Amino acid sequence: MVQTWSSWKRFPDAESGGVVEAPIGPGVYEVRHTMTGRVIAFGPAANVAQALSELKVNGGVGSSFARLFRKQPLVSRVSDLEYRTCAAASRAEAKTAAHRLLGLRQTAWVARMPG
């Protein structure tokens, strides 16, 4: 069974030596913009800590040719992000939980829209 969500934590800046505090195992993660609440990344993962550490959150410097073929950054500043995690017993359970959470989010969004 899926555990509860962790509290929101500031996304660490790799340049300052920050580390992600997340399960080294299956679960679900959510990254959002601190000020707007806009969801930047969400999903299940076999290793939540690894998935969060691999997110491309800000662009590096490089040639314009390299930027054409590189994945675009999610946001310009890492300090604008926060994340939370939810551990699961297996990757299948994490996928099921993520699917259920997306369904709940979509239902809440539809309920807010004027009909």
Protein backbone atom coordinates (compact mmCIF):
# COMPACT_ATOMS: atom_id res chain seq x y z
CA MET A 1 0.00 0.00 0.00
CA VAL A 2 1.19 3.52 -0.78
CA GLN A 3 2.31 5.64 2.16
CA THR A 4 1.27 9.26 2.61
CA TRP A 5 2.94 12.21 0.91
CA SER A 6 6.04 13.69 2.51
CA SER A 7 6.03 17.38 3.35
CA TRP A 8 7.03 19.84 0.62
CA LYS A 9 10.80 20.36 0.44
CA ARG A 10 12.81 22.94 -1.50
CA PHE A 11 14.44 21.45 -4.58
CA PRO A 12 18.20 21.38 -3.91
CA ASP A 13 20.69 23.29 -6.02
CA ALA A 14 23.38 20.86 -7.18
CA GLU A 15 25.92 23.69 -7.44
CA SER A 16 25.65 24.40 -3.73
CA GLY A 17 25.93 20.73 -2.79
CA GLY A 18 22.25 20.14 -1.95
CA VAL A 19 20.84 16.64 -2.04
CA VAL A 20 17.39 15.23 -2.74
CA GLU A 21 15.74 13.59 0.27
CA ALA A 22 13.63 10.87 -1.33
CA PRO A 23 13.10 7.10 -1.22
CA ILE A 24 15.76 5.01 -2.92
CA GLY A 25 13.01 2.74 -4.13
CA PRO A 26 9.60 2.81 -5.82
CA GLY A 27 7.14 5.62 -5.33
CA VAL A 28 5.54 8.73 -6.76
CA TYR A 29 7.03 12.23 -6.95
CA GLU A 30 5.63 15.68 -7.59
CA VAL A 31 7.61 18.85 -8.32
CA ARG A 32 5.88 22.22 -8.38
CA HIS A 33 6.70 25.87 -8.78
CA THR A 34 6.81 27.41 -5.32
CA MET A 35 5.02 30.68 -6.07
CA THR A 36 2.41 29.57 -8.63
CA GLY A 37 1.79 25.97 -7.53
CA ARG A 38 2.08 24.88 -11.18
CA VAL A 39 3.06 21.20 -11.40
CA ILE A 40 6.40 20.90 -13.18
CA ALA A 41 6.88 17.12 -12.95
CA PHE A 42 4.82 14.23 -11.62
CA GLY A 43 5.04 10.48 -11.98
CA PRO A 44 5.85 7.04 -10.66
CA ALA A 45 9.42 5.79 -10.50
CA ALA A 46 11.30 2.63 -9.62
CA ASN A 47 13.80 4.83 -7.75
CA VAL A 48 12.28 8.17 -6.69
CA ALA A 49 15.58 9.73 -5.61
CA GLN A 50 17.18 8.93 -8.95
CA ALA A 51 14.18 10.21 -10.93
CA LEU A 52 14.25 13.53 -9.07
CA SER A 53 18.01 13.90 -9.45
CA GLU A 54 17.77 13.29 -13.21
CA LEU A 55 15.17 16.01 -13.82
CA LYS A 56 16.52 18.75 -16.04
CA VAL A 57 15.44 21.79 -14.06
CA ASN A 58 17.65 24.55 -15.39
CA GLY A 59 19.60 25.04 -18.56
CA GLY A 60 23.35 24.96 -18.76
CA VAL A 61 25.57 26.99 -20.99
CA GLY A 62 26.39 25.55 -24.38
CA SER A 63 26.47 26.22 -28.06
CA SER A 64 23.29 27.17 -29.86
CA PHE A 65 23.64 24.00 -31.97
CA ALA A 66 23.69 21.83 -28.83
CA ARG A 67 20.65 23.65 -27.43
CA LEU A 68 18.64 22.67 -30.53
CA PHE A 69 18.87 18.98 -29.64
CA ARG A 70 18.87 19.18 -25.87
CA LYS A 71 15.77 18.76 -23.75
CA GLN A 72 14.50 22.19 -22.69
CA PRO A 73 14.74 23.04 -18.98
CA LEU A 74 11.63 22.90 -16.81
CA VAL A 75 12.31 26.25 -15.11
CA SER A 76 15.07 28.79 -15.06
CA ARG A 77 15.87 28.67 -11.32
CA VAL A 78 16.01 25.61 -9.09
CA SER A 79 15.24 27.78 -6.06
CA ASP A 80 11.73 28.28 -7.49
CA LEU A 81 10.88 24.58 -7.05
CA GLU A 82 9.73 22.30 -4.28
CA TYR A 83 8.99 18.58 -4.27
CA ARG A 84 7.27 15.88 -2.30
CA THR A 85 7.38 12.10 -2.51
CA CYS A 86 5.24 9.13 -1.65
CA ALA A 87 6.89 5.73 -1.15
CA ALA A 88 5.36 2.52 -2.52
CA ALA A 89 6.04 -1.18 -2.03
CA SER A 90 6.60 -1.86 -5.74
CA ARG A 91 6.85 -0.08 -9.07
CA ALA A 92 3.45 -1.49 -10.07
CA GLU A 93 1.93 -0.02 -6.91
CA ALA A 94 3.59 3.33 -7.64
CA LYS A 95 2.12 3.34 -11.17
CA THR A 96 -1.34 2.53 -9.82
CA ALA A 97 -1.08 5.26 -7.19
CA ALA A 98 0.09 7.84 -9.76
CA HIS A 99 -2.78 6.92 -12.07
CA ARG A 100 -5.28 7.24 -9.21
CA LEU A 101 -3.82 10.59 -8.09
CA LEU A 102 -4.02 11.95 -11.65
CA GLY A 103 -7.65 10.85 -11.83
CA LEU A 104 -8.42 12.64 -8.55
CA ARG A 105 -6.65 15.78 -9.77
CA GLN A 106 -8.56 15.77 -13.06
CA THR A 107 -11.88 15.27 -11.27
CA ALA A 108 -11.14 18.20 -8.96
CA TRP A 109 -10.12 20.37 -11.94
CA VAL A 110 -13.34 19.58 -13.83
CA ALA A 111 -15.42 20.34 -10.73
CA ARG A 112 -13.85 23.83 -10.56
CA MET A 113 -14.70 24.72 -14.15
CA PRO A 114 -17.91 26.66 -14.63
CA GLY A 115 -20.40 24.53 -16.48
